[in-house]
Amino acid sequence: MAEHRWPVDETPWPEQAALAYGELVELTTPDPPDPRLGWLGPDIVGTRGVVVGCVVDRDEHDGTVGPRYSVETEDGSPWGLRPEFLVSRGGLRPGMPPRYRSDLPDGTRVRVRLEPDAAGGPTEAVGEVTGLWWTASLEPPKGYTVQVGDYSYCVTPEQTEVL
């Protein structure tokens, strides 16, 4: 089986971002605390991670528009946090992989070949690509997420046929 080649995401990093892709960070709770934002528990504060993504959006808690960082912690847990919850540890993670993007835009109609279910359900379905499927953000994507009716499936490129 040939390895799928994911295109590199060359989208510029958001100008509002104070933290860089690959920046080493530590999770914290805002000081002084801001009840509108919430807090991280004592078992989470101090956890270390690396910035793997950033989007600028409107926060649902207080309506502030600003960066929200995707962070992968040392134990592999994914977090989406505002900058108030992150402290830079001053440096970039060595050997950081490139950012990837999908070669199929969201909304692309595809036929997917699925594993048969226990009841012998359909093994093929038609749906729309909704994004990339990752198992670890520090590795290339595994495939696509595809919406079929009310269900979302994670499928490899080999299971996917563009319509």
N, C-alpha and C. Protein backbone atom coordinates (compact mmCIF):
# COMPACT_ATOMS: atom_id res chain seq x y z
N MET A 1 0.86 -1.18 0.00
CA MET A 1 0.00 0.00 0.00
C MET A 1 0.90 1.24 0.00
N ALA A 2 0.67 2.15 -0.93
CA ALA A 2 1.45 3.38 -1.03
C ALA A 2 1.05 4.35 0.07
N GLU A 3 2.06 5.05 0.61
CA GLU A 3 1.79 6.04 1.66
C GLU A 3 1.14 7.27 1.04
N HIS A 4 0.08 7.77 1.67
CA HIS A 4 -0.61 8.96 1.18
C HIS A 4 0.24 10.19 1.47
N ARG A 5 0.35 11.08 0.53
CA ARG A 5 1.13 12.31 0.69
C ARG A 5 0.19 13.46 0.99
N TRP A 6 0.22 13.96 2.23
CA TRP A 6 -0.62 15.07 2.62
C TRP A 6 0.06 16.37 2.24
N PRO A 7 -0.67 17.31 1.64
CA PRO A 7 -0.05 18.60 1.32
C PRO A 7 0.27 19.39 2.60
N VAL A 8 1.34 20.17 2.52
CA VAL A 8 1.72 21.01 3.65
C VAL A 8 0.80 22.22 3.69
N ASP A 9 0.34 22.56 4.89
CA ASP A 9 -0.53 23.72 5.07
C ASP A 9 0.35 24.97 5.12
N GLU A 10 0.24 25.79 4.11
CA GLU A 10 1.05 27.01 4.05
C GLU A 10 0.26 28.25 4.44
N THR A 11 -0.92 28.03 5.04
CA THR A 11 -1.72 29.14 5.52
C THR A 11 -0.90 29.91 6.56
N PRO A 12 -0.82 31.23 6.43
CA PRO A 12 -0.04 31.99 7.42
C PRO A 12 -0.59 31.79 8.84
N TRP A 13 0.32 31.74 9.78
CA TRP A 13 -0.05 31.64 11.20
C TRP A 13 -0.77 32.93 11.56
N PRO A 14 -1.83 32.88 12.37
CA PRO A 14 -2.59 34.10 12.69
C PRO A 14 -1.71 35.21 13.26
N GLU A 15 -1.88 36.44 12.74
CA GLU A 15 -1.10 37.58 13.21
C GLU A 15 -1.32 37.87 14.69
N GLN A 16 -2.52 37.58 15.19
CA GLN A 16 -2.84 37.86 16.60
C GLN A 16 -2.19 36.86 17.55
N ALA A 17 -1.60 35.79 17.03
CA ALA A 17 -1.04 34.75 17.88
C ALA A 17 0.29 35.22 18.48
N ALA A 18 0.38 35.14 19.80
CA ALA A 18 1.63 35.47 20.50
C ALA A 18 2.51 34.23 20.63
N LEU A 19 1.91 33.04 20.55
CA LEU A 19 2.65 31.79 20.63
C LEU A 19 2.82 31.21 19.23
N ALA A 20 3.95 30.58 18.98
CA ALA A 20 4.27 30.05 17.65
C ALA A 20 3.92 28.56 17.55
N TYR A 21 3.79 28.10 16.31
CA TYR A 21 3.64 26.67 16.05
C TYR A 21 4.89 25.96 16.58
N GLY A 22 4.67 24.94 17.40
CA GLY A 22 5.80 24.20 17.96
C GLY A 22 6.33 24.76 19.27
N GLU A 23 5.74 25.87 19.75
CA GLU A 23 6.23 26.48 20.99
C GLU A 23 5.91 25.59 22.19
N LEU A 24 6.90 25.46 23.05
CA LEU A 24 6.74 24.69 24.28
C LEU A 24 6.01 25.54 25.31
N VAL A 25 4.97 24.99 25.91
CA VAL A 25 4.13 25.74 26.85
C VAL A 25 3.85 24.91 28.10
N GLU A 26 3.34 25.62 29.10
CA GLU A 26 2.87 25.00 30.33
C GLU A 26 1.45 25.49 30.57
N LEU A 27 0.56 24.59 30.97
CA LEU A 27 -0.83 24.95 31.25
C LEU A 27 -0.91 25.62 32.62
N THR A 28 -1.73 26.66 32.71
CA THR A 28 -1.86 27.42 33.94
C THR A 28 -3.30 27.89 34.10
N THR A 29 -3.58 28.54 35.19
CA THR A 29 -4.87 29.19 35.42
C THR A 29 -4.60 30.68 35.50
N PRO A 30 -5.45 31.51 34.88
CA PRO A 30 -5.21 32.96 34.91
C PRO A 30 -5.03 33.48 36.34
N ASP A 31 -4.10 34.40 36.49
CA ASP A 31 -3.84 35.02 37.79
C ASP A 31 -3.87 36.52 37.61
N PRO A 32 -4.82 37.24 38.15
CA PRO A 32 -5.85 36.75 39.06
C PRO A 32 -6.91 35.95 38.31
N PRO A 33 -7.60 35.06 39.02
CA PRO A 33 -8.64 34.24 38.39
C PRO A 33 -9.75 35.10 37.78
N ASP A 34 -10.29 34.63 36.68
CA ASP A 34 -11.40 35.29 36.01
C ASP A 34 -12.54 34.28 35.96
N PRO A 35 -13.56 34.43 36.81
CA PRO A 35 -14.64 33.43 36.87
C PRO A 35 -15.34 33.22 35.53
N ARG A 36 -15.32 34.23 34.64
CA ARG A 36 -15.97 34.07 33.33
C ARG A 36 -15.23 33.05 32.47
N LEU A 37 -13.93 32.90 32.69
CA LEU A 37 -13.12 32.01 31.86
C LEU A 37 -13.00 30.60 32.42
N GLY A 38 -13.22 30.46 33.73
CA GLY A 38 -13.04 29.16 34.36
C GLY A 38 -11.60 28.99 34.81
N TRP A 39 -11.21 27.77 35.12
CA TRP A 39 -9.87 27.50 35.63
C TRP A 39 -9.51 26.06 35.34
N LEU A 40 -8.24 25.77 35.47
CA LEU A 40 -7.75 24.40 35.36
C LEU A 40 -7.47 23.89 36.77
N GLY A 41 -7.75 22.63 37.00
CA GLY A 41 -7.54 22.05 38.32
C GLY A 41 -6.06 21.90 38.65
N PRO A 42 -5.76 21.73 39.93
CA PRO A 42 -4.37 21.63 40.37
C PRO A 42 -3.62 20.45 39.75
N ASP A 43 -4.35 19.39 39.35
CA ASP A 43 -3.69 18.25 38.71
C ASP A 43 -3.33 18.54 37.25
N ILE A 44 -3.88 19.61 36.68
CA ILE A 44 -3.62 19.99 35.28
C ILE A 44 -2.59 21.12 35.20
N VAL A 45 -2.68 22.08 36.13
CA VAL A 45 -1.74 23.21 36.13
C VAL A 45 -0.32 22.68 36.23
N GLY A 46 0.53 23.18 35.36
CA GLY A 46 1.92 22.73 35.32
C GLY A 46 2.19 21.68 34.26
N THR A 47 1.12 21.13 33.67
CA THR A 47 1.29 20.16 32.60
C THR A 47 1.98 20.84 31.42
N ARG A 48 2.93 20.15 30.82
CA ARG A 48 3.67 20.73 29.69
C ARG A 48 3.14 20.18 28.38
N GLY A 49 3.28 21.02 27.33
CA GLY A 49 2.83 20.61 26.02
C GLY A 49 3.47 21.43 24.93
N VAL A 50 2.94 21.28 23.72
CA VAL A 50 3.45 21.98 22.55
C VAL A 50 2.26 22.51 21.74
N VAL A 51 2.39 23.74 21.22
CA VAL A 51 1.34 24.35 20.41
C VAL A 51 1.35 23.69 19.03
N VAL A 52 0.18 23.15 18.62
CA VAL A 52 0.07 22.47 17.33
C VAL A 52 -0.93 23.13 16.40
N GLY A 53 -1.61 24.18 16.86
CA GLY A 53 -2.57 24.86 16.02
C GLY A 53 -3.04 26.14 16.67
N CYS A 54 -3.61 27.02 15.84
CA CYS A 54 -4.15 28.27 16.36
C CYS A 54 -5.23 28.77 15.40
N VAL A 55 -6.36 29.16 15.96
CA VAL A 55 -7.41 29.82 15.21
C VAL A 55 -7.82 31.08 15.97
N VAL A 56 -8.28 32.07 15.23
CA VAL A 56 -8.81 33.27 15.86
C VAL A 56 -10.32 33.15 15.76
N ASP A 57 -10.97 33.15 16.92
CA ASP A 57 -12.43 33.02 16.92
C ASP A 57 -13.02 33.75 18.11
N ARG A 58 -14.35 33.73 18.19
CA ARG A 58 -15.09 34.38 19.28
C ARG A 58 -15.30 33.37 20.40
N ASP A 59 -14.88 33.74 21.59
CA ASP A 59 -15.03 32.87 22.76
C ASP A 59 -16.49 32.84 23.19
N GLU A 60 -17.03 31.65 23.42
CA GLU A 60 -18.44 31.52 23.80
C GLU A 60 -18.71 31.99 25.22
N HIS A 61 -17.68 32.11 26.06
CA HIS A 61 -17.90 32.54 27.44
C HIS A 61 -18.08 34.04 27.58
N ASP A 62 -17.20 34.81 26.92
CA ASP A 62 -17.26 36.26 27.11
C ASP A 62 -17.32 37.07 25.81
N GLY A 63 -17.39 36.38 24.67
CA GLY A 63 -17.52 37.07 23.39
C GLY A 63 -16.24 37.68 22.86
N THR A 64 -15.13 37.54 23.57
CA THR A 64 -13.85 38.09 23.12
C THR A 64 -13.39 37.38 21.86
N VAL A 65 -12.91 38.15 20.88
CA VAL A 65 -12.33 37.57 19.68
C VAL A 65 -10.82 37.55 19.87
N GLY A 66 -10.23 36.38 19.71
CA GLY A 66 -8.79 36.26 19.88
C GLY A 66 -8.33 34.85 19.58
N PRO A 67 -7.03 34.62 19.76
CA PRO A 67 -6.48 33.31 19.43
C PRO A 67 -6.92 32.23 20.42
N ARG A 68 -7.14 31.03 19.89
CA ARG A 68 -7.38 29.83 20.68
C ARG A 68 -6.37 28.82 20.16
N TYR A 69 -5.57 28.31 21.08
CA TYR A 69 -4.48 27.42 20.71
C TYR A 69 -4.86 25.96 20.90
N SER A 70 -4.44 25.13 19.96
CA SER A 70 -4.51 23.69 20.12
C SER A 70 -3.16 23.26 20.68
N VAL A 71 -3.21 22.53 21.79
CA VAL A 71 -1.99 22.10 22.47
C VAL A 71 -2.07 20.59 22.66
N GLU A 72 -0.96 19.92 22.41
CA GLU A 72 -0.86 18.50 22.74
C GLU A 72 0.09 18.40 23.93
N THR A 73 -0.41 17.81 25.02
CA THR A 73 0.41 17.69 26.22
C THR A 73 1.32 16.46 26.12
N GLU A 74 2.25 16.37 27.07
CA GLU A 74 3.23 15.28 27.05
C GLU A 74 2.58 13.90 27.06
N ASP A 75 1.38 13.79 27.65
CA ASP A 75 0.71 12.49 27.68
C ASP A 75 -0.15 12.25 26.44
N GLY A 76 -0.10 13.18 25.46
CA GLY A 76 -0.85 13.03 24.22
C GLY A 76 -2.25 13.61 24.24
N SER A 77 -2.64 14.23 25.35
CA SER A 77 -3.99 14.80 25.45
C SER A 77 -4.10 16.08 24.64
N PRO A 78 -5.20 16.23 23.88
CA PRO A 78 -5.42 17.47 23.13
C PRO A 78 -6.17 18.49 23.97
N TRP A 79 -5.76 19.75 23.88
CA TRP A 79 -6.42 20.84 24.59
C TRP A 79 -6.64 21.99 23.63
N GLY A 80 -7.74 22.72 23.80
CA GLY A 80 -8.01 23.96 23.09
C GLY A 80 -8.12 25.06 24.12
N LEU A 81 -7.14 25.97 24.16
CA LEU A 81 -7.08 26.94 25.24
C LEU A 81 -6.80 28.36 24.75
N ARG A 82 -7.36 29.32 25.49
CA ARG A 82 -7.03 30.73 25.26
C ARG A 82 -5.62 30.99 25.80
N PRO A 83 -5.00 32.10 25.37
CA PRO A 83 -3.64 32.39 25.82
C PRO A 83 -3.50 32.57 27.33
N GLU A 84 -4.58 32.97 28.00
CA GLU A 84 -4.52 33.16 29.46
C GLU A 84 -4.20 31.86 30.19
N PHE A 85 -4.39 30.72 29.53
CA PHE A 85 -4.17 29.42 30.15
C PHE A 85 -2.85 28.78 29.76
N LEU A 86 -2.00 29.57 29.07
CA LEU A 86 -0.72 29.03 28.59
C LEU A 86 0.43 29.96 28.95
N VAL A 87 1.53 29.37 29.38
CA VAL A 87 2.75 30.12 29.65
C VAL A 87 3.84 29.53 28.77
N SER A 88 4.51 30.38 27.99
CA SER A 88 5.60 29.89 27.15
C SER A 88 6.75 29.43 28.02
N ARG A 89 7.35 28.31 27.63
CA ARG A 89 8.54 27.82 28.31
C ARG A 89 9.80 28.28 27.58
N GLY A 90 9.61 29.14 26.57
CA GLY A 90 10.74 29.73 25.87
C GLY A 90 11.50 28.77 24.99
N GLY A 91 10.93 28.44 23.88
CA GLY A 91 11.62 27.58 22.93
C GLY A 91 10.63 26.83 22.08
N LEU A 92 11.17 26.23 21.02
CA LEU A 92 10.37 25.43 20.10
C LEU A 92 10.74 23.96 20.25
N ARG A 93 9.77 23.10 20.03
CA ARG A 93 10.02 21.66 20.08
C ARG A 93 10.90 21.28 18.89
N PRO A 94 12.04 20.62 19.15
CA PRO A 94 12.89 20.20 18.04
C PRO A 94 12.18 19.15 17.18
N GLY A 95 12.44 19.18 15.88
CA GLY A 95 11.89 18.18 14.98
C GLY A 95 10.39 18.25 14.79
N MET A 96 9.83 19.44 14.96
CA MET A 96 8.39 19.61 14.80
C MET A 96 7.99 19.31 13.36
N PRO A 97 6.98 18.45 13.15
CA PRO A 97 6.55 18.15 11.78
C PRO A 97 5.84 19.36 11.16
N PRO A 98 5.73 19.37 9.83
CA PRO A 98 4.99 20.48 9.21
C PRO A 98 3.51 20.40 9.55
N ARG A 99 2.81 21.53 9.36
CA ARG A 99 1.35 21.52 9.47
C ARG A 99 0.82 20.95 8.16
N TYR A 100 -0.20 20.12 8.26
CA TYR A 100 -0.78 19.51 7.06
C TYR A 100 -2.18 20.04 6.81
N ARG A 101 -2.62 19.92 5.56
CA ARG A 101 -3.99 20.25 5.20
C ARG A 101 -4.54 19.10 4.38
N SER A 102 -5.84 19.10 4.22
CA SER A 102 -6.48 18.05 3.45
C SER A 102 -6.32 18.33 1.96
N ASP A 103 -6.15 17.28 1.19
CA ASP A 103 -6.15 17.42 -0.26
C ASP A 103 -7.57 17.42 -0.81
N LEU A 104 -8.56 17.13 0.04
CA LEU A 104 -9.97 17.19 -0.33
C LEU A 104 -10.64 18.27 0.50
N PRO A 105 -11.13 19.34 -0.12
CA PRO A 105 -11.77 20.41 0.64
C PRO A 105 -13.01 19.91 1.39
N ASP A 106 -13.31 20.55 2.51
CA ASP A 106 -14.54 20.24 3.23
C ASP A 106 -15.71 20.34 2.27
N GLY A 107 -16.64 19.41 2.38
CA GLY A 107 -17.81 19.40 1.52
C GLY A 107 -17.66 18.53 0.28
N THR A 108 -16.45 18.02 0.01
CA THR A 108 -16.24 17.14 -1.14
C THR A 108 -17.06 15.87 -0.95
N ARG A 109 -17.86 15.53 -1.97
CA ARG A 109 -18.68 14.30 -1.89
C ARG A 109 -17.81 13.11 -2.23
N VAL A 110 -17.89 12.10 -1.36
CA VAL A 110 -17.08 10.90 -1.53
C VAL A 110 -17.89 9.65 -1.25
N ARG A 111 -17.43 8.55 -1.83
CA ARG A 111 -17.96 7.23 -1.48
C ARG A 111 -16.91 6.61 -0.57
N VAL A 112 -17.35 6.07 0.56
CA VAL A 112 -16.42 5.44 1.48
C VAL A 112 -16.76 3.96 1.61
N ARG A 113 -15.71 3.16 1.70
CA ARG A 113 -15.86 1.73 1.93
C ARG A 113 -15.64 1.50 3.42
N LEU A 114 -16.66 0.99 4.08
CA LEU A 114 -16.65 0.79 5.53
C LEU A 114 -16.52 -0.68 5.87
N GLU A 115 -16.09 -0.95 7.08
CA GLU A 115 -16.07 -2.32 7.59
C GLU A 115 -17.52 -2.73 7.83
N PRO A 116 -17.91 -3.94 7.49
CA PRO A 116 -19.29 -4.36 7.76
C PRO A 116 -19.55 -4.36 9.27
N ASP A 117 -20.75 -3.92 9.65
CA ASP A 117 -21.10 -3.93 11.07
C ASP A 117 -21.61 -5.31 11.47
N ALA A 118 -21.84 -5.50 12.77
CA ALA A 118 -22.25 -6.80 13.30
C ALA A 118 -23.56 -7.29 12.66
N ALA A 119 -24.42 -6.35 12.28
CA ALA A 119 -25.71 -6.73 11.70
C ALA A 119 -25.60 -6.91 10.18
N GLY A 120 -24.38 -6.84 9.65
CA GLY A 120 -24.20 -7.00 8.20
C GLY A 120 -24.65 -5.78 7.43
N GLY A 121 -24.57 -4.60 8.06
CA GLY A 121 -25.00 -3.35 7.43
C GLY A 121 -24.18 -3.01 6.19
N PRO A 122 -24.51 -1.89 5.56
CA PRO A 122 -23.86 -1.52 4.31
C PRO A 122 -22.35 -1.35 4.48
N THR A 123 -21.62 -1.70 3.44
CA THR A 123 -20.17 -1.56 3.47
C THR A 123 -19.70 -0.37 2.65
N GLU A 124 -20.63 0.29 1.98
CA GLU A 124 -20.32 1.51 1.24
C GLU A 124 -21.37 2.57 1.58
N ALA A 125 -20.92 3.82 1.57
CA ALA A 125 -21.85 4.92 1.84
C ALA A 125 -21.31 6.17 1.15
N VAL A 126 -22.20 7.12 0.90
CA VAL A 126 -21.83 8.40 0.29
C VAL A 126 -21.99 9.48 1.34
N GLY A 127 -20.98 10.35 1.43
CA GLY A 127 -21.04 11.43 2.39
C GLY A 127 -20.16 12.59 1.97
N GLU A 128 -19.91 13.50 2.91
CA GLU A 128 -19.10 14.68 2.63
C GLU A 128 -17.92 14.75 3.59
N VAL A 129 -16.76 15.12 3.05
CA VAL A 129 -15.57 15.32 3.87
C VAL A 129 -15.80 16.51 4.80
N THR A 130 -15.49 16.33 6.08
CA THR A 130 -15.64 17.41 7.06
C THR A 130 -14.31 17.81 7.68
N GLY A 131 -13.24 17.13 7.32
CA GLY A 131 -11.93 17.49 7.85
C GLY A 131 -10.97 16.33 7.81
N LEU A 132 -9.86 16.49 8.51
CA LEU A 132 -8.85 15.44 8.60
C LEU A 132 -9.06 14.61 9.85
N TRP A 133 -8.63 13.36 9.78
CA TRP A 133 -8.68 12.44 10.90
C TRP A 133 -7.25 12.28 11.42
N TRP A 134 -7.08 12.66 12.67
CA TRP A 134 -5.77 12.56 13.32
C TRP A 134 -5.87 11.61 14.50
N THR A 135 -4.82 10.86 14.76
CA THR A 135 -4.75 10.12 16.01
C THR A 135 -3.72 10.75 16.93
N ALA A 136 -2.79 11.52 16.36
CA ALA A 136 -1.81 12.27 17.13
C ALA A 136 -1.44 13.50 16.32
N SER A 137 -1.52 14.67 16.92
CA SER A 137 -1.29 15.90 16.16
C SER A 137 0.17 16.10 15.78
N LEU A 138 1.07 15.34 16.36
CA LEU A 138 2.48 15.47 16.01
C LEU A 138 2.89 14.46 14.93
N GLU A 139 1.91 13.84 14.31
CA GLU A 139 2.13 12.91 13.21
C GLU A 139 1.25 13.32 12.04
N PRO A 140 1.55 12.83 10.82
CA PRO A 140 0.66 13.13 9.70
C PRO A 140 -0.75 12.59 9.95
N PRO A 141 -1.75 13.17 9.28
CA PRO A 141 -3.12 12.67 9.43
C PRO A 141 -3.22 11.21 9.00
N LYS A 142 -4.23 10.53 9.54
CA LYS A 142 -4.49 9.13 9.16
C LYS A 142 -5.46 9.05 7.99
N GLY A 143 -6.32 10.09 7.85
CA GLY A 143 -7.32 10.06 6.80
C GLY A 143 -8.27 11.23 6.94
N TYR A 144 -9.52 10.98 6.59
CA TYR A 144 -10.55 12.02 6.57
C TYR A 144 -11.65 11.70 7.57
N THR A 145 -12.34 12.74 8.03
CA THR A 145 -13.62 12.53 8.69
C THR A 145 -14.68 12.80 7.62
N VAL A 146 -15.64 11.91 7.54
CA VAL A 146 -16.69 11.98 6.51
C VAL A 146 -18.04 11.88 7.20
N GLN A 147 -18.91 12.84 6.92
CA GLN A 147 -20.26 12.86 7.46
C GLN A 147 -21.18 12.10 6.51
N VAL A 148 -21.83 11.07 7.05
CA VAL A 148 -22.81 10.28 6.29
C VAL A 148 -24.08 10.31 7.11
N GLY A 149 -25.05 11.10 6.67
CA GLY A 149 -26.28 11.25 7.45
C GLY A 149 -25.97 11.83 8.81
N ASP A 150 -26.44 11.17 9.87
CA ASP A 150 -26.20 11.63 11.24
C ASP A 150 -24.89 11.11 11.82
N TYR A 151 -24.13 10.36 11.06
CA TYR A 151 -22.92 9.72 11.58
C TYR A 151 -21.67 10.30 10.94
N SER A 152 -20.59 10.29 11.71
CA SER A 152 -19.30 10.74 11.22
C SER A 152 -18.35 9.55 11.27
N TYR A 153 -17.62 9.33 10.18
CA TYR A 153 -16.70 8.20 10.08
C TYR A 153 -15.28 8.70 9.88
N CYS A 154 -14.32 7.96 10.41
CA CYS A 154 -12.91 8.20 10.16
C CYS A 154 -12.47 7.15 9.16
N VAL A 155 -12.00 7.61 7.99
CA VAL A 155 -11.65 6.69 6.92
C VAL A 155 -10.28 7.04 6.35
N THR A 156 -9.58 6.03 5.89
CA THR A 156 -8.27 6.24 5.27
C THR A 156 -8.47 6.68 3.82
N PRO A 157 -7.44 7.24 3.20
CA PRO A 157 -7.54 7.60 1.78
C PRO A 157 -7.89 6.39 0.90
N GLU A 158 -7.40 5.21 1.29
CA GLU A 158 -7.68 4.01 0.52
C GLU A 158 -9.15 3.60 0.56
N GLN A 159 -9.88 4.05 1.58
CA GLN A 159 -11.29 3.75 1.71
C GLN A 159 -12.17 4.80 1.04
N THR A 160 -11.56 5.81 0.41
CA THR A 160 -12.28 6.99 -0.06
C THR A 160 -12.18 7.12 -1.58
N GLU A 161 -13.34 7.36 -2.20
CA GLU A 161 -13.40 7.61 -3.66
C GLU A 161 -14.16 8.91 -3.89
N VAL A 162 -13.51 9.86 -4.57
CA VAL A 162 -14.16 11.15 -4.85
C VAL A 162 -15.23 10.93 -5.91
N LEU A 163 -16.40 11.53 -5.69
CA LEU A 163 -17.51 11.42 -6.66
C LEU A 163 -17.56 12.63 -7.56
